[in-house]
Amino acid sequence: MNSQVLVKALNREFVVNKTMAALIGVVSFVALTVAGAYIRIPLPFSPVPITLQTFFVVLAGAILGRKLGCISQLSYLAVGIFGLPVFTGGLYGFARLFGPTGGYLTGFVLAVFVIGWILGRDPEASFVKIASVMLLGLVILFTTGTIQLAMVLHIPAQKALMLGVLPFIPGDIIKLLAAATIYQMVQRQARQIF
């Protein structure tokens, strides 16, 4: 009888600890995505600035996994939609999802889902696999962003690529390699915690 009580208590504590870890992970990546929006370099020729957000987005998918990663990015969008100035440039509001950079914002959720789904199946992924999966996430993010950029600005796809993808490739390769390095160091722990 005492052993059953002990097992129930340990299970209850494990669930509470797992829930707290999930909550802390989600809130942390919402805050990091917000911080990434404020670390920006405006480009005079493009409505899309260079930010640190993509670094945190790919890490959210890898570390938190598909479910919690999506919750973190959907929460980030919700906070901005409902009035806090968390989008790039201190902007906010539902209309931002339909502006020139809205496709990148919705791409955050899709990228996180794919990264989390693939890496969640391999808790000991190699660096090459991690970097490749993160690259796939960035391709998804840039695809949704470029499509909306072209539609909102009424420009051809080639020009949208010139404005919304090509200037970001060097920086995003550096961010991707840094994120892959960090994740490779913590992947086992991340799978156990989240």
N, C-alpha and C. Protein backbone atom coordinates (compact mmCIF):
# COMPACT_ATOMS: atom_id res chain seq x y z
N MET A 1 0.82 -1.20 0.00
CA MET A 1 0.00 0.00 0.00
C MET A 1 0.86 1.26 0.00
N ASN A 2 1.89 1.30 0.84
CA ASN A 2 2.77 2.46 0.89
C ASN A 2 3.51 2.67 -0.43
N SER A 3 3.90 1.59 -1.09
CA SER A 3 4.60 1.74 -2.37
C SER A 3 3.68 2.32 -3.44
N GLN A 4 2.40 1.98 -3.41
CA GLN A 4 1.44 2.55 -4.37
C GLN A 4 1.26 4.04 -4.14
N VAL A 5 1.19 4.43 -2.88
CA VAL A 5 1.05 5.85 -2.54
C VAL A 5 2.29 6.61 -3.02
N LEU A 6 3.46 6.03 -2.79
CA LEU A 6 4.70 6.66 -3.22
C LEU A 6 4.76 6.81 -4.74
N VAL A 7 4.36 5.77 -5.47
CA VAL A 7 4.35 5.81 -6.93
C VAL A 7 3.39 6.89 -7.43
N LYS A 8 2.19 6.97 -6.83
CA LYS A 8 1.22 8.01 -7.23
C LYS A 8 1.77 9.40 -6.96
N ALA A 9 2.41 9.57 -5.81
CA ALA A 9 2.99 10.88 -5.47
C ALA A 9 4.09 11.25 -6.45
N LEU A 10 4.95 10.30 -6.77
CA LEU A 10 6.03 10.57 -7.73
C LEU A 10 5.48 10.88 -9.11
N ASN A 11 4.47 10.15 -9.54
CA ASN A 11 3.85 10.42 -10.84
C ASN A 11 3.22 11.81 -10.87
N ARG A 12 2.55 12.18 -9.80
CA ARG A 12 1.92 13.50 -9.72
C ARG A 12 2.99 14.59 -9.78
N GLU A 13 4.09 14.39 -9.04
CA GLU A 13 5.17 15.37 -9.06
C GLU A 13 5.81 15.45 -10.44
N PHE A 14 5.96 14.32 -11.12
CA PHE A 14 6.52 14.30 -12.47
C PHE A 14 5.64 15.09 -13.43
N VAL A 15 4.32 14.89 -13.34
CA VAL A 15 3.39 15.61 -14.22
C VAL A 15 3.45 17.10 -13.95
N VAL A 16 3.49 17.49 -12.67
CA VAL A 16 3.58 18.91 -12.32
C VAL A 16 4.89 19.49 -12.84
N ASN A 17 5.99 18.78 -12.62
CA ASN A 17 7.28 19.27 -13.10
C ASN A 17 7.32 19.36 -14.62
N LYS A 18 6.74 18.38 -15.30
CA LYS A 18 6.69 18.38 -16.77
C LYS A 18 5.84 19.56 -17.26
N THR A 19 4.73 19.81 -16.59
CA THR A 19 3.85 20.92 -16.96
C THR A 19 4.57 22.25 -16.74
N MET A 20 5.24 22.38 -15.62
CA MET A 20 5.98 23.62 -15.33
C MET A 20 7.10 23.82 -16.36
N ALA A 21 7.80 22.75 -16.69
CA ALA A 21 8.87 22.84 -17.69
C ALA A 21 8.30 23.30 -19.03
N ALA A 22 7.16 22.73 -19.41
CA ALA A 22 6.52 23.11 -20.68
C ALA A 22 6.13 24.58 -20.66
N LEU A 23 5.54 25.02 -19.56
CA LEU A 23 5.11 26.41 -19.44
C LEU A 23 6.32 27.36 -19.51
N ILE A 24 7.36 27.01 -18.78
CA ILE A 24 8.57 27.84 -18.79
C ILE A 24 9.20 27.86 -20.19
N GLY A 25 9.23 26.70 -20.85
CA GLY A 25 9.79 26.63 -22.20
C GLY A 25 9.02 27.49 -23.19
N VAL A 26 7.69 27.39 -23.16
CA VAL A 26 6.86 28.17 -24.08
C VAL A 26 7.03 29.66 -23.82
N VAL A 27 6.91 30.07 -22.56
CA VAL A 27 7.03 31.50 -22.22
C VAL A 27 8.42 32.02 -22.59
N SER A 28 9.44 31.21 -22.36
CA SER A 28 10.80 31.63 -22.69
C SER A 28 10.96 31.88 -24.19
N PHE A 29 10.40 30.98 -25.01
CA PHE A 29 10.55 31.18 -26.45
C PHE A 29 9.65 32.28 -26.99
N VAL A 30 8.55 32.57 -26.32
CA VAL A 30 7.77 33.75 -26.70
C VAL A 30 8.63 34.99 -26.44
N ALA A 31 9.22 35.05 -25.24
CA ALA A 31 10.06 36.21 -24.88
C ALA A 31 11.27 36.33 -25.80
N LEU A 32 11.89 35.21 -26.14
CA LEU A 32 13.05 35.25 -27.03
C LEU A 32 12.66 35.70 -28.44
N THR A 33 11.50 35.26 -28.92
CA THR A 33 11.04 35.70 -30.24
C THR A 33 10.76 37.20 -30.24
N VAL A 34 10.18 37.69 -29.14
CA VAL A 34 9.96 39.14 -29.01
C VAL A 34 11.31 39.86 -29.01
N ALA A 35 12.25 39.38 -28.21
CA ALA A 35 13.58 40.01 -28.17
C ALA A 35 14.22 40.00 -29.55
N GLY A 36 14.04 38.89 -30.27
CA GLY A 36 14.59 38.78 -31.62
C GLY A 36 13.99 39.80 -32.58
N ALA A 37 12.74 40.18 -32.35
CA ALA A 37 12.09 41.19 -33.19
C ALA A 37 12.69 42.57 -32.96
N TYR A 38 13.17 42.81 -31.75
CA TYR A 38 13.73 44.12 -31.42
C TYR A 38 15.21 44.22 -31.79
N ILE A 39 15.84 43.08 -32.03
CA ILE A 39 17.22 43.10 -32.51
C ILE A 39 17.12 43.08 -34.04
N ARG A 40 17.12 44.26 -34.64
CA ARG A 40 16.83 44.34 -36.07
C ARG A 40 17.71 45.35 -36.77
N ILE A 41 17.90 45.07 -38.03
CA ILE A 41 18.62 45.99 -38.91
C ILE A 41 17.70 46.27 -40.10
N PRO A 42 17.14 47.49 -40.19
CA PRO A 42 16.28 47.81 -41.32
C PRO A 42 17.10 47.85 -42.62
N LEU A 43 16.49 47.39 -43.69
CA LEU A 43 17.13 47.46 -45.00
C LEU A 43 16.40 48.53 -45.81
N PRO A 44 17.12 49.51 -46.34
CA PRO A 44 16.45 50.62 -47.04
C PRO A 44 15.70 50.18 -48.30
N PHE A 45 16.07 49.06 -48.88
CA PHE A 45 15.46 48.62 -50.13
C PHE A 45 14.38 47.55 -49.94
N SER A 46 14.11 47.17 -48.68
CA SER A 46 13.16 46.09 -48.43
C SER A 46 12.28 46.39 -47.22
N PRO A 47 11.01 46.00 -47.27
CA PRO A 47 10.15 46.16 -46.09
C PRO A 47 10.44 45.11 -45.01
N VAL A 48 11.31 44.16 -45.32
CA VAL A 48 11.64 43.09 -44.39
C VAL A 48 13.00 43.40 -43.76
N PRO A 49 13.04 43.60 -42.44
CA PRO A 49 14.33 43.87 -41.80
C PRO A 49 15.06 42.58 -41.44
N ILE A 50 16.34 42.70 -41.18
CA ILE A 50 17.11 41.58 -40.63
C ILE A 50 16.82 41.55 -39.14
N THR A 51 16.42 40.40 -38.62
CA THR A 51 16.17 40.25 -37.19
C THR A 51 16.84 38.97 -36.68
N LEU A 52 16.76 38.79 -35.39
CA LEU A 52 17.28 37.57 -34.76
C LEU A 52 16.16 36.54 -34.56
N GLN A 53 14.98 36.84 -35.04
CA GLN A 53 13.84 35.95 -34.80
C GLN A 53 14.02 34.56 -35.39
N THR A 54 14.58 34.46 -36.58
CA THR A 54 14.71 33.13 -37.20
C THR A 54 15.59 32.21 -36.35
N PHE A 55 16.57 32.77 -35.67
CA PHE A 55 17.42 31.99 -34.78
C PHE A 55 16.58 31.34 -33.68
N PHE A 56 15.71 32.13 -33.06
CA PHE A 56 14.89 31.61 -31.97
C PHE A 56 13.76 30.72 -32.47
N VAL A 57 13.27 30.97 -33.67
CA VAL A 57 12.21 30.14 -34.23
C VAL A 57 12.72 28.72 -34.48
N VAL A 58 13.88 28.59 -35.11
CA VAL A 58 14.40 27.23 -35.37
C VAL A 58 14.76 26.52 -34.07
N LEU A 59 15.25 27.27 -33.09
CA LEU A 59 15.54 26.66 -31.79
C LEU A 59 14.26 26.23 -31.07
N ALA A 60 13.21 27.03 -31.19
CA ALA A 60 11.94 26.66 -30.56
C ALA A 60 11.43 25.33 -31.10
N GLY A 61 11.50 25.16 -32.41
CA GLY A 61 11.06 23.90 -33.00
C GLY A 61 11.90 22.73 -32.54
N ALA A 62 13.21 22.93 -32.50
CA ALA A 62 14.11 21.85 -32.12
C ALA A 62 13.99 21.52 -30.64
N ILE A 63 14.09 22.50 -29.79
CA ILE A 63 14.12 22.26 -28.35
C ILE A 63 12.75 21.89 -27.79
N LEU A 64 11.72 22.65 -28.15
CA LEU A 64 10.39 22.41 -27.58
C LEU A 64 9.64 21.29 -28.29
N GLY A 65 10.00 21.01 -29.53
CA GLY A 65 9.25 20.02 -30.30
C GLY A 65 8.10 20.68 -31.02
N ARG A 66 7.38 19.86 -31.79
CA ARG A 66 6.34 20.44 -32.66
C ARG A 66 5.18 21.04 -31.88
N LYS A 67 4.70 20.37 -30.85
CA LYS A 67 3.52 20.85 -30.13
C LYS A 67 3.82 22.12 -29.33
N LEU A 68 4.78 22.04 -28.42
CA LEU A 68 5.11 23.21 -27.61
C LEU A 68 5.74 24.32 -28.44
N GLY A 69 6.50 23.95 -29.46
CA GLY A 69 7.07 24.96 -30.35
C GLY A 69 5.98 25.76 -31.06
N CYS A 70 4.96 25.05 -31.56
CA CYS A 70 3.83 25.74 -32.20
C CYS A 70 3.08 26.61 -31.20
N ILE A 71 2.90 26.09 -29.99
CA ILE A 71 2.21 26.89 -28.96
C ILE A 71 3.00 28.17 -28.68
N SER A 72 4.33 28.06 -28.64
CA SER A 72 5.14 29.25 -28.37
C SER A 72 4.97 30.29 -29.48
N GLN A 73 4.98 29.86 -30.73
CA GLN A 73 4.88 30.82 -31.83
C GLN A 73 3.44 31.34 -32.02
N LEU A 74 2.46 30.48 -31.78
CA LEU A 74 1.07 30.96 -31.82
C LEU A 74 0.82 31.95 -30.68
N SER A 75 1.42 31.70 -29.53
CA SER A 75 1.30 32.63 -28.40
C SER A 75 1.95 33.97 -28.74
N TYR A 76 3.12 33.90 -29.37
CA TYR A 76 3.79 35.13 -29.81
C TYR A 76 2.87 35.93 -30.74
N LEU A 77 2.28 35.25 -31.71
CA LEU A 77 1.37 35.94 -32.63
C LEU A 77 0.17 36.51 -31.89
N ALA A 78 -0.39 35.74 -30.96
CA ALA A 78 -1.57 36.19 -30.21
C ALA A 78 -1.25 37.44 -29.39
N VAL A 79 -0.10 37.46 -28.76
CA VAL A 79 0.30 38.62 -27.96
C VAL A 79 0.38 39.86 -28.85
N GLY A 80 0.94 39.72 -30.04
CA GLY A 80 1.03 40.84 -30.96
C GLY A 80 -0.31 41.24 -31.55
N ILE A 81 -1.13 40.26 -31.87
CA ILE A 81 -2.45 40.55 -32.43
C ILE A 81 -3.32 41.31 -31.44
N PHE A 82 -3.21 40.94 -30.16
CA PHE A 82 -4.07 41.55 -29.15
C PHE A 82 -3.49 42.79 -28.50
N GLY A 83 -2.47 43.39 -29.13
CA GLY A 83 -2.12 44.74 -28.75
C GLY A 83 -0.78 45.02 -28.11
N LEU A 84 0.03 44.02 -27.84
CA LEU A 84 1.36 44.34 -27.32
C LEU A 84 2.33 44.53 -28.49
N PRO A 85 3.21 45.52 -28.41
CA PRO A 85 4.12 45.83 -29.52
C PRO A 85 5.29 44.86 -29.62
N VAL A 86 5.00 43.63 -30.03
CA VAL A 86 6.02 42.58 -30.04
C VAL A 86 6.53 42.25 -31.44
N PHE A 87 5.88 42.79 -32.46
CA PHE A 87 6.35 42.52 -33.81
C PHE A 87 7.51 43.46 -34.13
N THR A 88 8.24 43.16 -35.17
CA THR A 88 9.40 43.95 -35.56
C THR A 88 9.04 45.43 -35.67
N GLY A 89 9.88 46.25 -35.11
CA GLY A 89 9.64 47.69 -35.14
C GLY A 89 8.67 48.16 -34.09
N GLY A 90 8.32 47.30 -33.13
CA GLY A 90 7.38 47.67 -32.08
C GLY A 90 5.94 47.73 -32.56
N LEU A 91 5.66 47.03 -33.65
CA LEU A 91 4.31 47.05 -34.21
C LEU A 91 3.45 45.96 -33.56
N TYR A 92 2.16 46.08 -33.78
CA TYR A 92 1.21 45.11 -33.23
C TYR A 92 -0.07 45.17 -34.04
N GLY A 93 -0.98 44.24 -33.77
CA GLY A 93 -2.29 44.26 -34.40
C GLY A 93 -2.49 43.15 -35.42
N PHE A 94 -3.74 42.77 -35.59
CA PHE A 94 -4.14 41.70 -36.50
C PHE A 94 -3.74 42.01 -37.94
N ALA A 95 -3.77 43.29 -38.30
CA ALA A 95 -3.46 43.70 -39.68
C ALA A 95 -2.03 43.32 -40.08
N ARG A 96 -1.14 43.18 -39.11
CA ARG A 96 0.25 42.82 -39.42
C ARG A 96 0.35 41.47 -40.11
N LEU A 97 -0.61 40.58 -39.82
CA LEU A 97 -0.59 39.26 -40.47
C LEU A 97 -0.92 39.36 -41.95
N PHE A 98 -1.48 40.47 -42.36
CA PHE A 98 -1.87 40.65 -43.77
C PHE A 98 -0.99 41.66 -44.48
N GLY A 99 0.04 42.16 -43.80
CA GLY A 99 0.97 43.11 -44.40
C GLY A 99 2.09 42.40 -45.13
N PRO A 100 3.07 43.16 -45.60
CA PRO A 100 4.17 42.58 -46.37
C PRO A 100 4.96 41.50 -45.63
N THR A 101 5.07 41.62 -44.30
CA THR A 101 5.85 40.65 -43.54
C THR A 101 4.99 39.59 -42.84
N GLY A 102 3.71 39.60 -43.07
CA GLY A 102 2.81 38.66 -42.40
C GLY A 102 3.08 37.20 -42.75
N GLY A 103 3.54 36.95 -43.95
CA GLY A 103 3.84 35.58 -44.35
C GLY A 103 5.01 34.99 -43.57
N TYR A 104 5.93 35.85 -43.17
CA TYR A 104 7.04 35.38 -42.34
C TYR A 104 6.51 35.00 -40.95
N LEU A 105 5.60 35.82 -40.43
CA LEU A 105 5.03 35.54 -39.10
C LEU A 105 4.29 34.22 -39.08
N THR A 106 3.44 33.98 -40.07
CA THR A 106 2.74 32.70 -40.11
C THR A 106 3.70 31.56 -40.43
N GLY A 107 4.76 31.88 -41.16
CA GLY A 107 5.78 30.88 -41.46
C GLY A 107 6.52 30.40 -40.22
N PHE A 108 6.57 31.25 -39.18
CA PHE A 108 7.19 30.83 -37.92
C PHE A 108 6.53 29.55 -37.41
N VAL A 109 5.22 29.53 -37.43
CA VAL A 109 4.46 28.38 -36.89
C VAL A 109 4.71 27.13 -37.74
N LEU A 110 4.64 27.28 -39.05
CA LEU A 110 4.87 26.13 -39.93
C LEU A 110 6.29 25.59 -39.80
N ALA A 111 7.26 26.49 -39.75
CA ALA A 111 8.67 26.07 -39.63
C ALA A 111 8.91 25.33 -38.32
N VAL A 112 8.37 25.84 -37.24
CA VAL A 112 8.53 25.21 -35.93
C VAL A 112 7.90 23.83 -35.92
N PHE A 113 6.73 23.71 -36.53
CA PHE A 113 6.05 22.40 -36.56
C PHE A 113 6.91 21.37 -37.29
N VAL A 114 7.40 21.71 -38.47
CA VAL A 114 8.19 20.77 -39.26
C VAL A 114 9.49 20.41 -38.55
N ILE A 115 10.19 21.41 -38.03
CA ILE A 115 11.45 21.15 -37.32
C ILE A 115 11.20 20.24 -36.12
N GLY A 116 10.19 20.58 -35.33
CA GLY A 116 9.89 19.79 -34.14
C GLY A 116 9.44 18.39 -34.46
N TRP A 117 8.68 18.25 -35.53
CA TRP A 117 8.17 16.93 -35.92
C TRP A 117 9.31 16.02 -36.35
N ILE A 118 10.20 16.52 -37.18
CA ILE A 118 11.30 15.68 -37.69
C ILE A 118 12.33 15.40 -36.60
N LEU A 119 12.78 16.43 -35.90
CA LEU A 119 13.82 16.22 -34.88
C LEU A 119 13.28 15.48 -33.65
N GLY A 120 11.99 15.60 -33.41
CA GLY A 120 11.39 14.90 -32.28
C GLY A 120 11.43 13.39 -32.42
N ARG A 121 11.60 12.92 -33.62
CA ARG A 121 11.68 11.48 -33.89
C ARG A 121 13.09 10.93 -33.75
N ASP A 122 14.06 11.82 -33.58
CA ASP A 122 15.46 11.38 -33.52
C ASP A 122 16.19 12.14 -32.40
N PRO A 123 16.14 11.62 -31.17
CA PRO A 123 16.74 12.34 -30.04
C PRO A 123 18.27 12.38 -30.07
N GLU A 124 18.88 11.72 -31.03
CA GLU A 124 20.34 11.76 -31.15
C GLU A 124 20.76 12.09 -32.57
N ALA A 125 20.10 13.08 -33.14
CA ALA A 125 20.37 13.47 -34.53
C ALA A 125 21.79 14.02 -34.67
N SER A 126 22.37 13.76 -35.82
CA SER A 126 23.71 14.29 -36.11
C SER A 126 23.61 15.78 -36.41
N PHE A 127 24.74 16.45 -36.35
CA PHE A 127 24.77 17.89 -36.65
C PHE A 127 24.25 18.16 -38.05
N VAL A 128 24.64 17.31 -39.01
CA VAL A 128 24.21 17.49 -40.40
C VAL A 128 22.69 17.38 -40.50
N LYS A 129 22.10 16.40 -39.81
CA LYS A 129 20.64 16.26 -39.85
C LYS A 129 19.96 17.45 -39.20
N ILE A 130 20.48 17.87 -38.05
CA ILE A 130 19.89 19.02 -37.35
C ILE A 130 19.92 20.26 -38.25
N ALA A 131 21.09 20.54 -38.82
CA ALA A 131 21.23 21.71 -39.69
C ALA A 131 20.34 21.60 -40.92
N SER A 132 20.23 20.40 -41.49
CA SER A 132 19.38 20.19 -42.67
C SER A 132 17.91 20.42 -42.35
N VAL A 133 17.48 19.93 -41.20
CA VAL A 133 16.07 20.11 -40.80
C VAL A 133 15.79 21.58 -40.52
N MET A 134 16.72 22.25 -39.86
CA MET A 134 16.54 23.68 -39.61
C MET A 134 16.52 24.46 -40.92
N LEU A 135 17.34 24.05 -41.88
CA LEU A 135 17.33 24.69 -43.19
C LEU A 135 15.97 24.49 -43.87
N LEU A 136 15.42 23.29 -43.77
CA LEU A 136 14.09 23.04 -44.31
C LEU A 136 13.06 23.97 -43.67
N GLY A 137 13.16 24.15 -42.35
CA GLY A 137 12.26 25.08 -41.66
C GLY A 137 12.39 26.49 -42.19
N LEU A 138 13.63 26.93 -42.42
CA LEU A 138 13.84 28.27 -42.97
C LEU A 138 13.30 28.40 -44.39
N VAL A 139 13.44 27.33 -45.18
CA VAL A 139 12.88 27.35 -46.55
C VAL A 139 11.37 27.53 -46.48
N ILE A 140 10.72 26.83 -45.58
CA ILE A 140 9.27 26.97 -45.41
C ILE A 140 8.92 28.40 -44.99
N LEU A 141 9.64 28.92 -44.01
CA LEU A 141 9.41 30.27 -43.51
C LEU A 141 9.58 31.30 -44.63
N PHE A 142 10.67 31.18 -45.39
CA PHE A 142 10.92 32.13 -46.47
C PHE A 142 9.94 31.96 -47.62
N THR A 143 9.46 30.75 -47.84
CA THR A 143 8.48 30.54 -48.91
C THR A 143 7.17 31.26 -48.58
N THR A 144 6.66 31.05 -47.36
CA THR A 144 5.41 31.73 -46.98
C THR A 144 5.61 33.24 -46.97
N GLY A 145 6.77 33.67 -46.49
CA GLY A 145 7.05 35.11 -46.45
C GLY A 145 7.13 35.73 -47.82
N THR A 146 7.81 35.06 -48.74
CA THR A 146 8.00 35.59 -50.10
C THR A 146 6.69 35.61 -50.87
N ILE A 147 5.88 34.57 -50.70
CA ILE A 147 4.58 34.54 -51.39
C ILE A 147 3.73 35.73 -50.96
N GLN A 148 3.64 35.95 -49.65
CA GLN A 148 2.81 37.07 -49.19
C GLN A 148 3.42 38.41 -49.56
N LEU A 149 4.73 38.53 -49.49
CA LEU A 149 5.40 39.77 -49.88
C LEU A 149 5.06 40.12 -51.32
N ALA A 150 5.13 39.13 -52.21
CA ALA A 150 4.82 39.36 -53.63
C ALA A 150 3.35 39.75 -53.81
N MET A 151 2.47 39.08 -53.08
CA MET A 151 1.03 39.37 -53.23
C MET A 151 0.68 40.76 -52.70
N VAL A 152 1.20 41.11 -51.52
CA VAL A 152 0.85 42.40 -50.91
C VAL A 152 1.45 43.56 -51.69
N LEU A 153 2.68 43.41 -52.13
CA LEU A 153 3.34 44.50 -52.87
C LEU A 153 3.04 44.48 -54.36
N HIS A 154 2.33 43.43 -54.83
CA HIS A 154 2.00 43.28 -56.26
C HIS A 154 3.26 43.31 -57.12
N ILE A 155 4.21 42.46 -56.73
CA ILE A 155 5.46 42.38 -57.46
C ILE A 155 5.67 40.94 -57.92
N PRO A 156 6.50 40.74 -58.97
CA PRO A 156 6.78 39.38 -59.42
C PRO A 156 7.57 38.59 -58.37
N ALA A 157 7.49 37.29 -58.45
CA ALA A 157 8.17 36.41 -57.50
C ALA A 157 9.67 36.68 -57.45
N GLN A 158 10.28 36.94 -58.61
CA GLN A 158 11.72 37.22 -58.65
C GLN A 158 12.09 38.43 -57.80
N LYS A 159 11.30 39.48 -57.92
CA LYS A 159 11.58 40.69 -57.14
C LYS A 159 11.34 40.42 -55.66
N ALA A 160 10.32 39.64 -55.34
CA ALA A 160 10.05 39.29 -53.94
C ALA A 160 11.22 38.50 -53.36
N LEU A 161 11.81 37.62 -54.15
CA LEU A 161 12.99 36.87 -53.70
C LEU A 161 14.17 37.82 -53.45
N MET A 162 14.31 38.80 -54.32
CA MET A 162 15.41 39.77 -54.17
C MET A 162 15.22 40.62 -52.91
N LEU A 163 13.98 40.92 -52.56
CA LEU A 163 13.70 41.76 -51.40
C LEU A 163 13.59 40.97 -50.10
N GLY A 164 13.06 39.75 -50.19
CA GLY A 164 12.68 39.03 -48.98
C GLY A 164 13.44 37.77 -48.66
N VAL A 165 14.40 37.38 -49.53
CA VAL A 165 15.15 36.15 -49.25
C VAL A 165 16.65 36.37 -49.39
N LEU A 166 17.09 36.79 -50.57
CA LEU A 166 18.53 36.85 -50.86
C LEU A 166 19.35 37.67 -49.86
N PRO A 167 18.87 38.84 -49.39
CA PRO A 167 19.69 39.60 -48.44
C PRO A 167 19.89 38.89 -47.10
N PHE A 168 19.04 37.90 -46.83
CA PHE A 168 19.05 37.26 -45.51
C PHE A 168 19.85 35.96 -45.46
N ILE A 169 20.22 35.44 -46.62
CA ILE A 169 20.88 34.13 -46.67
C ILE A 169 22.18 34.08 -45.87
N PRO A 170 23.12 35.02 -46.03
CA PRO A 170 24.37 34.91 -45.25
C PRO A 170 24.14 34.91 -43.74
N GLY A 171 23.33 35.83 -43.26
CA GLY A 171 23.06 35.92 -41.83
C GLY A 171 22.31 34.71 -41.31
N ASP A 172 21.37 34.22 -42.10
CA ASP A 172 20.59 33.06 -41.64
C ASP A 172 21.41 31.78 -41.65
N ILE A 173 22.39 31.69 -42.51
CA ILE A 173 23.29 30.53 -42.45
C ILE A 173 24.08 30.54 -41.14
N ILE A 174 24.55 31.71 -40.75
CA ILE A 174 25.27 31.83 -39.47
C ILE A 174 24.35 31.50 -38.31
N LYS A 175 23.13 32.05 -38.33
CA LYS A 175 22.16 31.78 -37.25
C LYS A 175 21.81 30.29 -37.21
N LEU A 176 21.63 29.70 -38.38
CA LEU A 176 21.29 28.27 -38.45
C LEU A 176 22.41 27.41 -37.86
N LEU A 177 23.65 27.70 -38.22
CA LEU A 177 24.78 26.92 -37.70
C LEU A 177 24.91 27.08 -36.19
N ALA A 178 24.68 28.29 -35.70
CA ALA A 178 24.73 28.52 -34.25
C ALA A 178 23.61 27.76 -33.55
N ALA A 179 22.39 27.83 -34.10
CA ALA A 179 21.25 27.13 -33.51
C ALA A 179 21.46 25.62 -33.53
N ALA A 180 21.98 25.10 -34.63
CA ALA A 180 22.22 23.66 -34.73
C ALA A 180 23.28 23.21 -33.72
N THR A 181 24.29 24.03 -33.52
CA THR A 181 25.34 23.71 -32.54
C THR A 181 24.76 23.67 -31.13
N ILE A 182 23.96 24.67 -30.80
CA ILE A 182 23.33 24.72 -29.47
C ILE A 182 22.42 23.51 -29.27
N TYR A 183 21.59 23.25 -30.27
CA TYR A 183 20.65 22.14 -30.12
C TYR A 183 21.37 20.80 -30.00
N GLN A 184 22.41 20.61 -30.77
CA GLN A 184 23.14 19.33 -30.69
C GLN A 184 23.67 19.10 -29.27
N MET A 185 24.06 20.17 -28.59
CA MET A 185 24.59 20.04 -27.24
C MET A 185 23.50 19.70 -26.21
N VAL A 186 22.26 20.09 -26.49
CA VAL A 186 21.19 19.91 -25.48
C VAL A 186 20.07 18.98 -25.93
N GLN A 187 20.22 18.32 -27.08
CA GLN A 187 19.08 17.57 -27.63
C GLN A 187 18.58 16.46 -26.71
N ARG A 188 19.46 15.72 -26.07
CA ARG A 188 19.00 14.64 -25.18
C ARG A 188 18.20 15.21 -24.01
N GLN A 189 18.73 16.27 -23.41
CA GLN A 189 18.04 16.89 -22.28
C GLN A 189 16.71 17.50 -22.72
N ALA A 190 16.70 18.10 -23.90
CA ALA A 190 15.46 18.71 -24.39
C ALA A 190 14.37 17.65 -24.58
N ARG A 191 14.73 16.51 -25.12
CA ARG A 191 13.73 15.43 -25.31
C ARG A 191 13.22 14.92 -23.97
N GLN A 192 14.08 14.88 -22.95
CA GLN A 192 13.64 14.43 -21.65
C GLN A 192 12.74 15.46 -20.96
N ILE A 193 13.06 16.73 -21.13
CA ILE A 193 12.29 17.78 -20.46
C ILE A 193 10.98 18.08 -21.18
N PHE A 194 11.05 18.17 -22.52
CA PHE A 194 9.87 18.57 -23.27
C PHE A 194 9.29 17.40 -24.05
